[in-house]
Amino acid sequence: MSEIILCMYVCLVPSGPPTDVAVIVTSPTSINVTWNEVDPIDQNGVITMYEVLYTPLQNFEGQLSANTTNVSEQSVLLNYLQEYVNYTITVRAYTQEGPGLSSSEMTVLTFEAGTF
C-alpha cells in the first residue's frame, strides 16, 4: 500500500509556488530574479524546472507581450528588456507532470538610461 501512495505523490504537479521571489533591476535593460524552492510538502515530486513569466505593462507598440524563460536553477538574469518600463514577474515550478502554482506577481520598473 505504501508503494501506491508514493506513486500518487510523485505523479502530481507542485501544489505551492516558489517562495521568497526577489527582483533586482541591474541595468536599464536587465532584471535579476531569484527565488527559493517550493516548500518540500508542496513539491509533490521532483522539481524539473522553473518558469519565469515576465510581461512589460506596455511595450513600444502599446501592446502587452508576455515572455517566458525556463531554467533549472533558482535564479535568472532577464536581459534585452525595454528601458524605463514596468514589468510584472511571476515564477512557477514544474514536475514531470506539469506546472504548479505561480508566485505572487511582482512589478518592477527598469532604469531609465543614464540614471543607474
C-alpha atoms as a PDB file:
ATOM      1  CA  MET A   1       0.000   0.000   0.000  1.00  0.00           C
ATOM      2  CA  SER A   2       2.837   2.471   0.713  1.00  0.00           C
ATOM      3  CA  GLU A   3       4.143   1.959  -2.849  1.00  0.00           C
ATOM      4  CA  ILE A   4       0.812   3.101  -4.280  1.00  0.00           C
ATOM      5  CA  ILE A   5       0.784   6.213  -2.097  1.00  0.00           C
ATOM      6  CA  LEU A   6       4.365   7.031  -3.138  1.00  0.00           C
ATOM      7  CA  CYS A   7       3.455   6.747  -6.818  1.00  0.00           C
ATOM      8  CA  MET A   8       0.442   9.010  -6.348  1.00  0.00           C
ATOM      9  CA  TYR A   9       2.641  11.540  -4.539  1.00  0.00           C
ATOM     10  CA  VAL A  10       5.351  11.565  -7.214  1.00  0.00           C
ATOM     11  CA  CYS A  11       2.883  11.906 -10.099  1.00  0.00           C
ATOM     12  CA  LEU A  12       1.419  15.305  -9.167  1.00  0.00           C
ATOM     13  CA  VAL A  13       2.203  18.901 -10.044  1.00  0.00           C
ATOM     14  CA  PRO A  14       3.529  21.212  -7.312  1.00  0.00           C
ATOM     15  CA  SER A  15       0.713  22.399  -5.047  1.00  0.00           C
ATOM     16  CA  GLY A  16       2.590  25.522  -3.924  1.00  0.00           C
ATOM     17  CA  PRO A  17       4.604  28.274  -5.603  1.00  0.00           C
ATOM     18  CA  PRO A  18       8.320  29.020  -5.321  1.00  0.00           C
ATOM     19  CA  THR A  19       8.988  31.101  -2.211  1.00  0.00           C
ATOM     20  CA  ASP A  20      10.810  34.353  -1.462  1.00  0.00           C
ATOM     21  CA  VAL A  21      10.830  35.669  -5.024  1.00  0.00           C
ATOM     22  CA  ALA A  22      13.039  38.754  -5.256  1.00  0.00           C
ATOM     23  CA  VAL A  23      13.788  41.070  -8.166  1.00  0.00           C
ATOM     24  CA  ILE A  24      16.685  43.487  -8.568  1.00  0.00           C
ATOM     25  CA  VAL A  25      16.997  45.850 -11.505  1.00  0.00           C
ATOM     26  CA  THR A  26      20.632  45.657 -12.606  1.00  0.00           C
ATOM     27  CA  SER A  27      20.583  47.976 -15.642  1.00  0.00           C
ATOM     28  CA  PRO A  28      18.109  49.799 -17.890  1.00  0.00           C
ATOM     29  CA  THR A  29      17.628  46.540 -19.802  1.00  0.00           C
ATOM     30  CA  SER A  30      18.207  43.798 -17.178  1.00  0.00           C
ATOM     31  CA  ILE A  31      16.459  42.383 -14.114  1.00  0.00           C
ATOM     32  CA  ASN A  32      17.847  39.672 -11.829  1.00  0.00           C
ATOM     33  CA  VAL A  33      15.168  37.320 -10.425  1.00  0.00           C
ATOM     34  CA  THR A  34      15.874  34.896  -7.557  1.00  0.00           C
ATOM     35  CA  TRP A  35      13.662  32.547  -5.539  1.00  0.00           C
ATOM     36  CA  ASN A  36      13.701  29.646  -3.122  1.00  0.00           C
ATOM     37  CA  GLU A  37      12.313  26.221  -3.825  1.00  0.00           C
ATOM     38  CA  VAL A  38       8.689  25.231  -3.356  1.00  0.00           C
ATOM     39  CA  ASP A  39       8.103  24.135   0.248  1.00  0.00           C
ATOM     40  CA  PRO A  40       9.000  20.416   0.399  1.00  0.00           C
ATOM     41  CA  ILE A  41       5.479  19.399   1.461  1.00  0.00           C
ATOM     42  CA  ASP A  42       4.099  21.096  -1.687  1.00  0.00           C
ATOM     43  CA  GLN A  43       6.636  19.813  -4.232  1.00  0.00           C
ATOM     44  CA  ASN A  44       4.718  16.584  -4.987  1.00  0.00           C
ATOM     45  CA  GLY A  45       7.692  15.059  -6.751  1.00  0.00           C
ATOM     46  CA  VAL A  46      10.997  16.140  -8.237  1.00  0.00           C
ATOM     47  CA  ILE A  47      11.094  19.744  -9.471  1.00  0.00           C
ATOM     48  CA  THR A  48      12.350  19.519 -13.057  1.00  0.00           C
ATOM     49  CA  MET A  49      12.463  23.228 -13.945  1.00  0.00           C
ATOM     50  CA  TYR A  50      11.230  26.703 -13.151  1.00  0.00           C
ATOM     51  CA  GLU A  51       9.397  29.031 -15.496  1.00  0.00           C
ATOM     52  CA  VAL A  52       9.731  32.798 -15.163  1.00  0.00           C
ATOM     53  CA  LEU A  53       6.965  34.796 -16.844  1.00  0.00           C
ATOM     54  CA  TYR A  54       7.741  38.465 -17.423  1.00  0.00           C
ATOM     55  CA  THR A  55       5.474  40.942 -19.146  1.00  0.00           C
ATOM     56  CA  PRO A  56       6.001  44.624 -19.890  1.00  0.00           C
ATOM     57  CA  LEU A  57       2.953  46.608 -18.843  1.00  0.00           C
ATOM     58  CA  GLN A  58       3.286  48.446 -22.153  1.00  0.00           C
ATOM     59  CA  ASN A  59       5.800  47.935 -24.927  1.00  0.00           C
ATOM     60  CA  PHE A  60       6.895  50.319 -27.683  1.00  0.00           C
ATOM     61  CA  GLU A  61       3.940  49.308 -29.851  1.00  0.00           C
ATOM     62  CA  GLY A  62       1.495  49.875 -26.976  1.00  0.00           C
ATOM     63  CA  GLN A  63       0.607  46.181 -26.623  1.00  0.00           C
ATOM     64  CA  LEU A  64       1.273  43.606 -23.923  1.00  0.00           C
ATOM     65  CA  SER A  65       3.693  40.830 -24.811  1.00  0.00           C
ATOM     66  CA  ALA A  66       4.348  38.023 -22.312  1.00  0.00           C
ATOM     67  CA  ASN A  67       7.747  36.315 -22.331  1.00  0.00           C
ATOM     68  CA  THR A  68       8.893  33.166 -20.568  1.00  0.00           C
ATOM     69  CA  THR A  69      12.233  31.635 -19.773  1.00  0.00           C
ATOM     70  CA  ASN A  70      12.809  28.153 -18.357  1.00  0.00           C
ATOM     71  CA  VAL A  71      15.703  27.416 -16.026  1.00  0.00           C
ATOM     72  CA  SER A  72      16.855  24.623 -13.733  1.00  0.00           C
ATOM     73  CA  GLU A  73      18.493  26.981 -11.208  1.00  0.00           C
ATOM     74  CA  GLN A  74      16.764  29.252  -8.715  1.00  0.00           C
ATOM     75  CA  SER A  75      17.772  32.478 -10.417  1.00  0.00           C
ATOM     76  CA  VAL A  76      17.803  34.074 -13.833  1.00  0.00           C
ATOM     77  CA  LEU A  77      19.066  37.303 -15.355  1.00  0.00           C
ATOM     78  CA  LEU A  78      16.479  38.720 -17.745  1.00  0.00           C
ATOM     79  CA  ASN A  79      18.244  40.693 -20.482  1.00  0.00           C
ATOM     80  CA  TYR A  80      17.274  42.753 -23.531  1.00  0.00           C
ATOM     81  CA  LEU A  81      14.370  44.408 -21.728  1.00  0.00           C
ATOM     82  CA  GLN A  82      12.947  47.813 -22.534  1.00  0.00           C
ATOM     83  CA  GLU A  83      14.323  50.830 -20.699  1.00  0.00           C
ATOM     84  CA  TYR A  84      12.128  52.582 -18.113  1.00  0.00           C
ATOM     85  CA  VAL A  85       9.228  50.124 -18.404  1.00  0.00           C
ATOM     86  CA  ASN A  86       7.252  48.357 -15.671  1.00  0.00           C
ATOM     87  CA  TYR A  87       7.423  44.559 -15.858  1.00  0.00           C
ATOM     88  CA  THR A  88       5.285  42.050 -13.987  1.00  0.00           C
ATOM     89  CA  ILE A  89       7.112  38.877 -12.982  1.00  0.00           C
ATOM     90  CA  THR A  90       5.934  35.502 -11.662  1.00  0.00           C
ATOM     91  CA  VAL A  91       7.744  32.184 -11.120  1.00  0.00           C
ATOM     92  CA  ARG A  92       6.334  28.651 -11.075  1.00  0.00           C
ATOM     93  CA  ALA A  93       7.866  25.213 -10.677  1.00  0.00           C
ATOM     94  CA  TYR A  94       7.310  22.106 -12.799  1.00  0.00           C
ATOM     95  CA  THR A  95       7.409  18.395 -12.104  1.00  0.00           C
ATOM     96  CA  GLN A  96       7.317  15.912 -14.963  1.00  0.00           C
ATOM     97  CA  GLU A  97       3.509  16.131 -14.746  1.00  0.00           C
ATOM     98  CA  GLY A  98       3.379  19.866 -15.454  1.00  0.00           C
ATOM     99  CA  PRO A  99       3.340  23.313 -13.855  1.00  0.00           C
ATOM    100  CA  GLY A 100       2.398  24.207 -10.320  1.00  0.00           C
ATOM    101  CA  LEU A 101       1.083  27.398  -8.796  1.00  0.00           C
ATOM    102  CA  SER A 102       2.644  30.726  -9.732  1.00  0.00           C
ATOM    103  CA  SER A 103       4.237  33.010  -7.188  1.00  0.00           C
ATOM    104  CA  SER A 104       2.565  36.303  -6.355  1.00  0.00           C
ATOM    105  CA  GLU A 105       3.008  38.798  -9.151  1.00  0.00           C
ATOM    106  CA  MET A 106       5.729  41.381  -8.636  1.00  0.00           C
ATOM    107  CA  THR A 107       6.032  44.643 -10.549  1.00  0.00           C
ATOM    108  CA  VAL A 108       9.378  46.315 -11.150  1.00  0.00           C
ATOM    109  CA  LEU A 109      10.461  49.342 -13.191  1.00  0.00           C
ATOM    110  CA  THR A 110      13.627  49.098 -15.260  1.00  0.00           C
ATOM    111  CA  PHE A 111      16.034  52.019 -15.029  1.00  0.00           C
ATOM    112  CA  GLU A 112      15.949  54.950 -17.379  1.00  0.00           C
ATOM    113  CA  ALA A 113      19.122  55.156 -19.488  1.00  0.00           C
ATOM    114  CA  GLY A 114      21.797  57.201 -17.742  1.00  0.00           C
ATOM    115  CA  THR A 115      20.191  57.096 -14.272  1.00  0.00           C
ATOM    116  CA  PHE A 116      21.648  53.958 -12.689  1.00  0.00           C
END
